[in-house]
Amino acid sequence: MTQTGIVSALLPDGRAQVCVQRETACGGNCTSCNACIAKNEIFATAENHCGAKVGDRVTLSSRTSTLIGAAALVYLFPLVMLFVGYALAAAFGAREGVSIVASVAGLVIGCAAVMCFARRKGKIIFEIISIEH
């Protein structure tokens, strides 16, 4: 996956902070729907092997498999844990109300596990692959 951004700062260890415009569902015409509540730009840390300088427009790359894996982890694991919580409670003969509480507990545990994993594993690694002139 590639994106275009502007280098906003140079960081130690050959990295750079890059300002990237966030893509929106409305195609960037936020006045047409007024649904955007978040900032339209985000900052990503990228490996700067190309020697980009502050103000340079660059192309960033990240492994698509990493992004898909992260999305699957964030969205699917808590959902799976919700069903696991319900199934475990039902397997032990719990009443419907207890099974529902167990499913909510499974969802919370799944969300907490994703947050812990994200903090330990770190952020998605981007790399500056070219400088636009």
C-alpha atoms as a PDB file:
ATOM      1  CA  MET A   1       0.000   0.000   0.000  1.00  0.00           C
ATOM      2  CA  THR A   2       1.379   3.418  -0.906  1.00  0.00           C
ATOM      3  CA  GLN A   3       0.441   6.943   0.154  1.00  0.00           C
ATOM      4  CA  THR A   4       1.794  10.411  -0.469  1.00  0.00           C
ATOM      5  CA  GLY A   5       2.796  12.798   2.285  1.00  0.00           C
ATOM      6  CA  ILE A   6       5.071  15.675   3.234  1.00  0.00           C
ATOM      7  CA  VAL A   7       8.048  15.275   5.563  1.00  0.00           C
ATOM      8  CA  SER A   8       7.397  17.413   8.654  1.00  0.00           C
ATOM      9  CA  ALA A   9      10.414  16.450  10.802  1.00  0.00           C
ATOM     10  CA  LEU A  10      13.562  14.355  10.719  1.00  0.00           C
ATOM     11  CA  LEU A  11      13.905  11.871  13.571  1.00  0.00           C
ATOM     12  CA  PRO A  12      16.898   9.962  14.952  1.00  0.00           C
ATOM     13  CA  ASP A  13      17.987   6.612  13.510  1.00  0.00           C
ATOM     14  CA  GLY A  14      17.223   7.556   9.899  1.00  0.00           C
ATOM     15  CA  ARG A  15      13.496   8.029  10.339  1.00  0.00           C
ATOM     16  CA  ALA A  16      11.180  10.882   9.389  1.00  0.00           C
ATOM     17  CA  GLN A  17       7.784  12.120  10.525  1.00  0.00           C
ATOM     18  CA  VAL A  18       5.478  12.417   7.530  1.00  0.00           C
ATOM     19  CA  CYS A  19       2.162  14.272   7.371  1.00  0.00           C
ATOM     20  CA  VAL A  20      -0.322  12.217   5.350  1.00  0.00           C
ATOM     21  CA  GLN A  21      -3.771  13.376   4.240  1.00  0.00           C
ATOM     22  CA  ARG A  22      -6.393  10.959   5.547  1.00  0.00           C
ATOM     23  CA  GLU A  23      -8.678   9.538   2.889  1.00  0.00           C
ATOM     24  CA  THR A  24     -12.378  10.031   3.564  1.00  0.00           C
ATOM     25  CA  ALA A  25     -15.463   8.201   2.378  1.00  0.00           C
ATOM     26  CA  CYS A  26     -16.699  11.359   0.670  1.00  0.00           C
ATOM     27  CA  GLY A  27     -13.510  11.650  -1.388  1.00  0.00           C
ATOM     28  CA  GLY A  28     -12.169  14.645   0.504  1.00  0.00           C
ATOM     29  CA  ASN A  29     -15.202  16.852  -0.152  1.00  0.00           C
ATOM     30  CA  CYS A  30     -16.182  17.017   3.511  1.00  0.00           C
ATOM     31  CA  THR A  31     -18.562  19.936   3.022  1.00  0.00           C
ATOM     32  CA  SER A  32     -20.855  17.687   0.993  1.00  0.00           C
ATOM     33  CA  CYS A  33     -21.728  15.421   3.927  1.00  0.00           C
ATOM     34  CA  ASN A  34     -20.432  17.144   7.095  1.00  0.00           C
ATOM     35  CA  ALA A  35     -19.834  13.702   8.607  1.00  0.00           C
ATOM     36  CA  CYS A  36     -16.087  14.010   9.199  1.00  0.00           C
ATOM     37  CA  ILE A  37     -15.297  14.542  12.851  1.00  0.00           C
ATOM     38  CA  ALA A  38     -11.588  13.657  12.801  1.00  0.00           C
ATOM     39  CA  LYS A  39      -8.626  15.624  11.541  1.00  0.00           C
ATOM     40  CA  ASN A  40      -7.904  15.157   7.858  1.00  0.00           C
ATOM     41  CA  GLU A  41      -4.189  14.693   8.401  1.00  0.00           C
ATOM     42  CA  ILE A  42      -2.259  12.176  10.421  1.00  0.00           C
ATOM     43  CA  PHE A  43       1.431  11.820  11.197  1.00  0.00           C
ATOM     44  CA  ALA A  44       3.302   8.606  10.432  1.00  0.00           C
ATOM     45  CA  THR A  45       6.838   7.618  11.299  1.00  0.00           C
ATOM     46  CA  ALA A  46       8.719   6.219   8.320  1.00  0.00           C
ATOM     47  CA  GLU A  47      12.140   4.799   7.563  1.00  0.00           C
ATOM     48  CA  ASN A  48      13.992   7.475   5.562  1.00  0.00           C
ATOM     49  CA  HIS A  49      16.434   5.516   3.385  1.00  0.00           C
ATOM     50  CA  CYS A  50      15.955   7.975   0.496  1.00  0.00           C
ATOM     51  CA  GLY A  51      17.378  10.937   2.432  1.00  0.00           C
ATOM     52  CA  ALA A  52      14.218  13.047   2.288  1.00  0.00           C
ATOM     53  CA  LYS A  53      14.362  16.466   3.926  1.00  0.00           C
ATOM     54  CA  VAL A  54      11.728  18.533   5.760  1.00  0.00           C
ATOM     55  CA  GLY A  55       9.203  19.831   3.238  1.00  0.00           C
ATOM     56  CA  ASP A  56       9.811  17.119   0.624  1.00  0.00           C
ATOM     57  CA  ARG A  57       6.751  15.413  -0.886  1.00  0.00           C
ATOM     58  CA  VAL A  58       7.365  11.671  -0.564  1.00  0.00           C
ATOM     59  CA  THR A  59       5.723   8.362  -1.338  1.00  0.00           C
ATOM     60  CA  LEU A  60       5.303   6.023   1.636  1.00  0.00           C
ATOM     61  CA  SER A  61       4.953   2.290   1.416  1.00  0.00           C
ATOM     62  CA  SER A  62       3.840  -0.325   3.896  1.00  0.00           C
ATOM     63  CA  ARG A  63       3.274  -4.016   3.532  1.00  0.00           C
ATOM     64  CA  THR A  64      -0.358  -4.704   2.676  1.00  0.00           C
ATOM     65  CA  SER A  65      -0.261  -7.984   4.588  1.00  0.00           C
ATOM     66  CA  THR A  66       0.698  -6.086   7.758  1.00  0.00           C
ATOM     67  CA  LEU A  67      -2.233  -3.698   7.363  1.00  0.00           C
ATOM     68  CA  ILE A  68      -4.711  -6.485   6.642  1.00  0.00           C
ATOM     69  CA  GLY A  69      -3.403  -8.486   9.602  1.00  0.00           C
ATOM     70  CA  ALA A  70      -3.742  -5.482  11.913  1.00  0.00           C
ATOM     71  CA  ALA A  71      -7.283  -4.804  10.695  1.00  0.00           C
ATOM     72  CA  ALA A  72      -8.255  -8.451  11.180  1.00  0.00           C
ATOM     73  CA  LEU A  73      -6.815  -8.439  14.682  1.00  0.00           C
ATOM     74  CA  VAL A  74      -8.572  -5.238  15.703  1.00  0.00           C
ATOM     75  CA  TYR A  75     -11.983  -6.110  14.265  1.00  0.00           C
ATOM     76  CA  LEU A  76     -12.226  -9.891  14.336  1.00  0.00           C
ATOM     77  CA  PHE A  77     -10.502 -10.994  17.555  1.00  0.00           C
ATOM     78  CA  PRO A  78     -12.899  -9.166  19.936  1.00  0.00           C
ATOM     79  CA  LEU A  79     -15.848 -10.514  17.955  1.00  0.00           C
ATOM     80  CA  VAL A  80     -14.502 -14.059  18.173  1.00  0.00           C
ATOM     81  CA  MET A  81     -13.980 -13.622  21.912  1.00  0.00           C
ATOM     82  CA  LEU A  82     -17.607 -12.484  22.263  1.00  0.00           C
ATOM     83  CA  PHE A  83     -18.791 -15.787  20.789  1.00  0.00           C
ATOM     84  CA  VAL A  84     -16.232 -17.797  22.772  1.00  0.00           C
ATOM     85  CA  GLY A  85     -17.483 -16.238  26.018  1.00  0.00           C
ATOM     86  CA  TYR A  86     -21.066 -17.139  25.186  1.00  0.00           C
ATOM     87  CA  ALA A  87     -20.170 -20.656  24.051  1.00  0.00           C
ATOM     88  CA  LEU A  88     -18.132 -21.398  27.178  1.00  0.00           C
ATOM     89  CA  ALA A  89     -20.911 -20.248  29.475  1.00  0.00           C
ATOM     90  CA  ALA A  90     -23.508 -22.225  27.532  1.00  0.00           C
ATOM     91  CA  ALA A  91     -21.259 -25.312  27.537  1.00  0.00           C
ATOM     92  CA  PHE A  92     -21.146 -25.199  31.342  1.00  0.00           C
ATOM     93  CA  GLY A  93     -24.952 -25.041  31.491  1.00  0.00           C
ATOM     94  CA  ALA A  94     -25.293 -21.360  32.408  1.00  0.00           C
ATOM     95  CA  ARG A  95     -28.620 -19.608  32.002  1.00  0.00           C
ATOM     96  CA  GLU A  96     -29.192 -17.222  29.104  1.00  0.00           C
ATOM     97  CA  GLY A  97     -28.507 -14.090  31.171  1.00  0.00           C
ATOM     98  CA  VAL A  98     -25.208 -15.459  32.468  1.00  0.00           C
ATOM     99  CA  SER A  99     -24.207 -16.486  28.947  1.00  0.00           C
ATOM    100  CA  ILE A 100     -24.854 -12.935  27.726  1.00  0.00           C
ATOM    101  CA  VAL A 101     -22.740 -11.499  30.548  1.00  0.00           C
ATOM    102  CA  ALA A 102     -19.983 -14.006  29.672  1.00  0.00           C
ATOM    103  CA  SER A 103     -20.142 -12.939  26.020  1.00  0.00           C
ATOM    104  CA  VAL A 104     -19.750  -9.267  26.993  1.00  0.00           C
ATOM    105  CA  ALA A 105     -16.836 -10.269  29.249  1.00  0.00           C
ATOM    106  CA  GLY A 106     -15.282 -12.111  26.287  1.00  0.00           C
ATOM    107  CA  LEU A 107     -15.657  -8.978  24.157  1.00  0.00           C
ATOM    108  CA  VAL A 108     -13.983  -6.832  26.818  1.00  0.00           C
ATOM    109  CA  ILE A 109     -11.157  -9.348  27.213  1.00  0.00           C
ATOM    110  CA  GLY A 110     -10.713  -9.426  23.426  1.00  0.00           C
ATOM    111  CA  CYS A 111     -10.514  -5.619  23.239  1.00  0.00           C
ATOM    112  CA  ALA A 112      -8.040  -5.503  26.134  1.00  0.00           C
ATOM    113  CA  ALA A 113      -5.880  -8.181  24.500  1.00  0.00           C
ATOM    114  CA  VAL A 114      -5.802  -6.232  21.225  1.00  0.00           C
ATOM    115  CA  MET A 115      -4.777  -3.060  23.059  1.00  0.00           C
ATOM    116  CA  CYS A 116      -1.984  -4.876  24.937  1.00  0.00           C
ATOM    117  CA  PHE A 117      -0.757  -6.534  21.747  1.00  0.00           C
ATOM    118  CA  ALA A 118      -0.745  -3.209  19.880  1.00  0.00           C
ATOM    119  CA  ARG A 119       1.326  -1.554  22.614  1.00  0.00           C
ATOM    120  CA  ARG A 120       3.865  -4.361  22.683  1.00  0.00           C
ATOM    121  CA  LYS A 121       4.120  -4.971  18.967  1.00  0.00           C
ATOM    122  CA  GLY A 122       4.409  -1.303  18.039  1.00  0.00           C
ATOM    123  CA  LYS A 123       3.103   0.662  15.126  1.00  0.00           C
ATOM    124  CA  ILE A 124       2.924  -0.284  11.490  1.00  0.00           C
ATOM    125  CA  ILE A 125       6.258   0.424   9.829  1.00  0.00           C
ATOM    126  CA  PHE A 126       6.246   2.721   6.817  1.00  0.00           C
ATOM    127  CA  GLU A 127       9.136   3.347   4.452  1.00  0.00           C
ATOM    128  CA  ILE A 128       9.802   6.334   2.207  1.00  0.00           C
ATOM    129  CA  ILE A 129      10.298   4.771  -1.224  1.00  0.00           C
ATOM    130  CA  SER A 130      10.643   7.924  -3.348  1.00  0.00           C
ATOM    131  CA  ILE A 131      10.894  11.692  -3.253  1.00  0.00           C
ATOM    132  CA  GLU A 132       8.599  13.538  -5.675  1.00  0.00           C
ATOM    133  CA  HIS A 133      10.096  16.464  -7.534  1.00  0.00           C
END
